Amino acid sequence: MDLVSHELRTPLTLIINPLEDMLSHSSFSQEVKNTLQLMKKNTLRLLLLVNNLMDVQKYDSNKMVLQKENFNLTLFIKELYESFMPIANNRNINFTLNNSIPADYSVYYDRKEVEKVIFNLLSNAFKFTPQNGEVEIRLSVLSTKNDIVRVRSW
């Protein structure tokens, strides 16, 4: 699996750089730039999936080391919420963030790994929510020891 992941990762990386170069040229029409941007976005998604496959292998072989750090959960979730807003708008999905935790609420986790989990939850929520449906992120403190982030769609 690791060899396959590396073999996929290299060509994807080699696609991203020329796309970025092409996007920097002002001579292209907006339609061409939009298409290039879409290609870049999807290539980055594929690269993320390949990286996730590599991480699964690390988990399976007990080689994964979490990089824990203290970060602002409220700001972190707001950034993810804003990054998914264009998808919600494009699909006419009512996307809400219901946050009842303090604005300066900090947690100590591996930010990258938590982001992957929440990104996957939101991706699946949007994938399986019909047009004109609803997706909600609800943040609340259930206790002082267990913090929880919930993603709900209907």
C-alpha atoms as a PDB file:
ATOM      1  CA  MET A   1       0.000   0.000   0.000  1.00  0.00           C
ATOM      2  CA  ASP A   2       2.811   2.408   0.905  1.00  0.00           C
ATOM      3  CA  LEU A   3       4.552   1.961  -2.434  1.00  0.00           C
ATOM      4  CA  VAL A   4       1.285   2.501  -4.318  1.00  0.00           C
ATOM      5  CA  SER A   5       0.552   5.637  -2.294  1.00  0.00           C
ATOM      6  CA  HIS A   6       3.975   7.073  -3.054  1.00  0.00           C
ATOM      7  CA  GLU A   7       3.602   6.181  -6.716  1.00  0.00           C
ATOM      8  CA  LEU A   8       0.313   8.115  -6.850  1.00  0.00           C
ATOM      9  CA  ARG A   9       1.559  11.042  -4.810  1.00  0.00           C
ATOM     10  CA  THR A  10       4.435  11.976  -7.104  1.00  0.00           C
ATOM     11  CA  PRO A  11       2.434  12.513 -10.315  1.00  0.00           C
ATOM     12  CA  LEU A  12      -0.252  14.416  -8.421  1.00  0.00           C
ATOM     13  CA  THR A  13       2.379  16.759  -7.056  1.00  0.00           C
ATOM     14  CA  LEU A  14       3.786  17.149 -10.559  1.00  0.00           C
ATOM     15  CA  ILE A  15       0.318  18.174 -11.815  1.00  0.00           C
ATOM     16  CA  ILE A  16      -0.284  20.791  -9.107  1.00  0.00           C
ATOM     17  CA  ASN A  17       2.798  22.912  -9.856  1.00  0.00           C
ATOM     18  CA  PRO A  18       2.074  23.482 -13.577  1.00  0.00           C
ATOM     19  CA  LEU A  19      -1.571  24.231 -12.714  1.00  0.00           C
ATOM     20  CA  GLU A  20      -0.448  26.894 -10.255  1.00  0.00           C
ATOM     21  CA  ASP A  21       1.870  28.360 -12.887  1.00  0.00           C
ATOM     22  CA  MET A  22      -0.931  28.440 -15.453  1.00  0.00           C
ATOM     23  CA  LEU A  23      -3.296  30.096 -12.977  1.00  0.00           C
ATOM     24  CA  SER A  24      -0.816  32.910 -12.473  1.00  0.00           C
ATOM     25  CA  HIS A  25      -0.991  33.904 -16.173  1.00  0.00           C
ATOM     26  CA  SER A  26      -3.375  36.776 -16.763  1.00  0.00           C
ATOM     27  CA  SER A  27      -3.789  35.997 -20.470  1.00  0.00           C
ATOM     28  CA  PHE A  28      -6.325  33.225 -19.861  1.00  0.00           C
ATOM     29  CA  SER A  29     -10.036  33.934 -19.906  1.00  0.00           C
ATOM     30  CA  GLN A  30     -11.971  33.650 -16.657  1.00  0.00           C
ATOM     31  CA  GLU A  31     -13.601  30.468 -17.950  1.00  0.00           C
ATOM     32  CA  VAL A  32     -10.205  28.841 -18.505  1.00  0.00           C
ATOM     33  CA  LYS A  33      -8.988  30.027 -15.094  1.00  0.00           C
ATOM     34  CA  ASN A  34     -12.111  28.593 -13.449  1.00  0.00           C
ATOM     35  CA  THR A  35     -11.495  25.246 -15.145  1.00  0.00           C
ATOM     36  CA  LEU A  36      -7.840  25.251 -14.087  1.00  0.00           C
ATOM     37  CA  GLN A  37      -8.865  26.129 -10.527  1.00  0.00           C
ATOM     38  CA  LEU A  38     -11.307  23.218 -10.501  1.00  0.00           C
ATOM     39  CA  MET A  39      -8.588  20.892 -11.796  1.00  0.00           C
ATOM     40  CA  LYS A  40      -6.222  22.091  -9.078  1.00  0.00           C
ATOM     41  CA  LYS A  41      -8.877  21.677  -6.395  1.00  0.00           C
ATOM     42  CA  ASN A  42      -9.636  18.107  -7.479  1.00  0.00           C
ATOM     43  CA  THR A  43      -5.953  17.244  -7.759  1.00  0.00           C
ATOM     44  CA  LEU A  44      -5.445  18.510  -4.212  1.00  0.00           C
ATOM     45  CA  ARG A  45      -8.368  16.340  -3.105  1.00  0.00           C
ATOM     46  CA  LEU A  46      -6.775  13.284  -4.706  1.00  0.00           C
ATOM     47  CA  LEU A  47      -3.480  14.134  -3.032  1.00  0.00           C
ATOM     48  CA  LEU A  48      -5.278  14.390   0.305  1.00  0.00           C
ATOM     49  CA  LEU A  49      -6.840  10.954  -0.253  1.00  0.00           C
ATOM     50  CA  VAL A  50      -3.443   9.460  -1.068  1.00  0.00           C
ATOM     51  CA  ASN A  51      -1.985  11.057   2.060  1.00  0.00           C
ATOM     52  CA  ASN A  52      -4.883   9.626   4.059  1.00  0.00           C
ATOM     53  CA  LEU A  53      -4.101   6.159   2.675  1.00  0.00           C
ATOM     54  CA  MET A  54      -0.523   6.598   3.806  1.00  0.00           C
ATOM     55  CA  ASP A  55      -1.749   7.640   7.259  1.00  0.00           C
ATOM     56  CA  VAL A  56      -3.967   4.556   7.505  1.00  0.00           C
ATOM     57  CA  GLN A  57      -0.933   2.433   6.856  1.00  0.00           C
ATOM     58  CA  LYS A  58       0.946   4.291   9.611  1.00  0.00           C
ATOM     59  CA  TYR A  59      -1.952   3.689  11.991  1.00  0.00           C
ATOM     60  CA  ASP A  60      -2.036   0.002  11.084  1.00  0.00           C
ATOM     61  CA  SER A  61       1.686  -0.409  11.670  1.00  0.00           C
ATOM     62  CA  ASN A  62       1.626   1.682  14.902  1.00  0.00           C
ATOM     63  CA  LYS A  63       4.035   4.218  13.392  1.00  0.00           C
ATOM     64  CA  MET A  64       1.707   7.224  13.646  1.00  0.00           C
ATOM     65  CA  VAL A  65       2.910   9.868  16.087  1.00  0.00           C
ATOM     66  CA  LEU A  66       0.374  12.541  16.959  1.00  0.00           C
ATOM     67  CA  GLN A  67       1.609  16.130  16.920  1.00  0.00           C
ATOM     68  CA  LYS A  68      -0.403  17.597  19.768  1.00  0.00           C
ATOM     69  CA  GLU A  69      -0.691  21.343  20.154  1.00  0.00           C
ATOM     70  CA  ASN A  70      -2.987  23.835  21.812  1.00  0.00           C
ATOM     71  CA  PHE A  71      -5.322  25.573  19.366  1.00  0.00           C
ATOM     72  CA  ASN A  72      -8.516  27.621  19.384  1.00  0.00           C
ATOM     73  CA  LEU A  73     -11.357  25.205  18.618  1.00  0.00           C
ATOM     74  CA  THR A  74     -13.905  27.939  17.908  1.00  0.00           C
ATOM     75  CA  LEU A  75     -11.700  29.612  15.303  1.00  0.00           C
ATOM     76  CA  PHE A  76     -10.671  26.253  13.852  1.00  0.00           C
ATOM     77  CA  ILE A  77     -14.280  25.126  13.317  1.00  0.00           C
ATOM     78  CA  LYS A  78     -15.256  28.550  11.943  1.00  0.00           C
ATOM     79  CA  GLU A  79     -12.480  28.282   9.327  1.00  0.00           C
ATOM     80  CA  LEU A  80     -13.722  24.835   8.269  1.00  0.00           C
ATOM     81  CA  TYR A  81     -17.293  26.127   8.185  1.00  0.00           C
ATOM     82  CA  GLU A  82     -16.292  29.010   5.905  1.00  0.00           C
ATOM     83  CA  SER A  83     -14.349  26.704   3.588  1.00  0.00           C
ATOM     84  CA  PHE A  84     -17.477  24.556   3.030  1.00  0.00           C
ATOM     85  CA  MET A  85     -19.831  27.521   2.563  1.00  0.00           C
ATOM     86  CA  PRO A  86     -19.297  27.680  -1.254  1.00  0.00           C
ATOM     87  CA  ILE A  87     -20.355  24.024  -1.536  1.00  0.00           C
ATOM     88  CA  ALA A  88     -23.474  24.762   0.491  1.00  0.00           C
ATOM     89  CA  ASN A  89     -24.309  27.767  -1.675  1.00  0.00           C
ATOM     90  CA  ASN A  90     -23.743  25.850  -4.903  1.00  0.00           C
ATOM     91  CA  ARG A  91     -26.042  23.021  -3.782  1.00  0.00           C
ATOM     92  CA  ASN A  92     -28.652  25.240  -2.100  1.00  0.00           C
ATOM     93  CA  ILE A  93     -27.997  23.564   1.238  1.00  0.00           C
ATOM     94  CA  ASN A  94     -28.749  25.480   4.410  1.00  0.00           C
ATOM     95  CA  PHE A  95     -25.400  25.256   6.233  1.00  0.00           C
ATOM     96  CA  THR A  96     -25.293  26.555   9.790  1.00  0.00           C
ATOM     97  CA  LEU A  97     -22.779  26.788  12.586  1.00  0.00           C
ATOM     98  CA  ASN A  98     -24.386  26.590  16.006  1.00  0.00           C
ATOM     99  CA  ASN A  99     -21.633  27.372  18.506  1.00  0.00           C
ATOM    100  CA  SER A 100     -22.273  27.521  22.233  1.00  0.00           C
ATOM    101  CA  ILE A 101     -18.640  27.381  23.368  1.00  0.00           C
ATOM    102  CA  PRO A 102     -16.590  30.487  24.231  1.00  0.00           C
ATOM    103  CA  ALA A 103     -14.790  32.318  21.420  1.00  0.00           C
ATOM    104  CA  ASP A 104     -11.400  31.662  23.023  1.00  0.00           C
ATOM    105  CA  TYR A 105     -12.004  27.969  23.763  1.00  0.00           C
ATOM    106  CA  SER A 106      -8.753  26.063  23.287  1.00  0.00           C
ATOM    107  CA  VAL A 107      -8.088  22.351  23.013  1.00  0.00           C
ATOM    108  CA  TYR A 108      -4.957  20.247  22.948  1.00  0.00           C
ATOM    109  CA  TYR A 109      -5.023  17.819  19.996  1.00  0.00           C
ATOM    110  CA  ASP A 110      -3.291  16.979  16.775  1.00  0.00           C
ATOM    111  CA  ARG A 111      -4.820  19.735  14.662  1.00  0.00           C
ATOM    112  CA  LYS A 112      -4.035  18.044  11.352  1.00  0.00           C
ATOM    113  CA  GLU A 113      -5.690  14.783  12.355  1.00  0.00           C
ATOM    114  CA  VAL A 114      -8.742  16.481  13.865  1.00  0.00           C
ATOM    115  CA  GLU A 115      -9.068  18.543  10.681  1.00  0.00           C
ATOM    116  CA  LYS A 116      -9.058  15.372   8.582  1.00  0.00           C
ATOM    117  CA  VAL A 117     -11.826  13.841  10.648  1.00  0.00           C
ATOM    118  CA  ILE A 118     -14.045  16.927  10.572  1.00  0.00           C
ATOM    119  CA  PHE A 119     -13.306  17.535   6.886  1.00  0.00           C
ATOM    120  CA  ASN A 120     -14.373  13.956   6.115  1.00  0.00           C
ATOM    121  CA  LEU A 121     -17.522  14.316   8.222  1.00  0.00           C
ATOM    122  CA  LEU A 122     -18.472  17.523   6.420  1.00  0.00           C
ATOM    123  CA  SER A 123     -17.588  16.085   3.012  1.00  0.00           C
ATOM    124  CA  ASN A 124     -19.853  13.111   3.659  1.00  0.00           C
ATOM    125  CA  ALA A 125     -22.604  15.325   5.064  1.00  0.00           C
ATOM    126  CA  PHE A 126     -22.609  17.372   1.847  1.00  0.00           C
ATOM    127  CA  LYS A 127     -22.260  14.304  -0.325  1.00  0.00           C
ATOM    128  CA  PHE A 128     -25.360  12.675   1.130  1.00  0.00           C
ATOM    129  CA  THR A 129     -27.501  15.752   1.797  1.00  0.00           C
ATOM    130  CA  PRO A 130     -29.965  16.449  -0.999  1.00  0.00           C
ATOM    131  CA  GLN A 131     -30.299  19.837  -2.644  1.00  0.00           C
ATOM    132  CA  ASN A 132     -32.284  22.220  -0.388  1.00  0.00           C
ATOM    133  CA  GLY A 133     -31.350  20.060   2.622  1.00  0.00           C
ATOM    134  CA  GLU A 134     -29.581  21.177   5.775  1.00  0.00           C
ATOM    135  CA  VAL A 135     -26.160  20.585   7.304  1.00  0.00           C
ATOM    136  CA  GLU A 136     -25.408  21.860  10.778  1.00  0.00           C
ATOM    137  CA  ILE A 137     -22.221  21.983  12.832  1.00  0.00           C
ATOM    138  CA  ARG A 138     -23.078  22.176  16.506  1.00  0.00           C
ATOM    139  CA  LEU A 139     -20.349  22.821  19.061  1.00  0.00           C
ATOM    140  CA  SER A 140     -21.060  22.396  22.727  1.00  0.00           C
ATOM    141  CA  VAL A 141     -19.240  21.406  25.862  1.00  0.00           C
ATOM    142  CA  LEU A 142     -20.873  18.301  27.253  1.00  0.00           C
ATOM    143  CA  SER A 143     -18.607  18.285  30.294  1.00  0.00           C
ATOM    144  CA  THR A 144     -15.359  19.862  31.327  1.00  0.00           C
ATOM    145  CA  LYS A 145     -13.505  16.672  30.396  1.00  0.00           C
ATOM    146  CA  ASN A 146     -15.136  15.744  27.069  1.00  0.00           C
ATOM    147  CA  ASP A 147     -15.496  18.241  24.262  1.00  0.00           C
ATOM    148  CA  ILE A 148     -17.496  17.297  21.231  1.00  0.00           C
ATOM    149  CA  VAL A 149     -18.062  18.548  17.711  1.00  0.00           C
ATOM    150  CA  ARG A 150     -21.160  17.291  15.934  1.00  0.00           C
ATOM    151  CA  VAL A 151     -22.041  17.445  12.276  1.00  0.00           C
ATOM    152  CA  ARG A 152     -25.639  16.747  11.392  1.00  0.00           C
ATOM    153  CA  SER A 153     -27.371  16.766   8.040  1.00  0.00           C
ATOM    154  CA  TRP A 154     -30.950  16.194   7.013  1.00  0.00           C
END
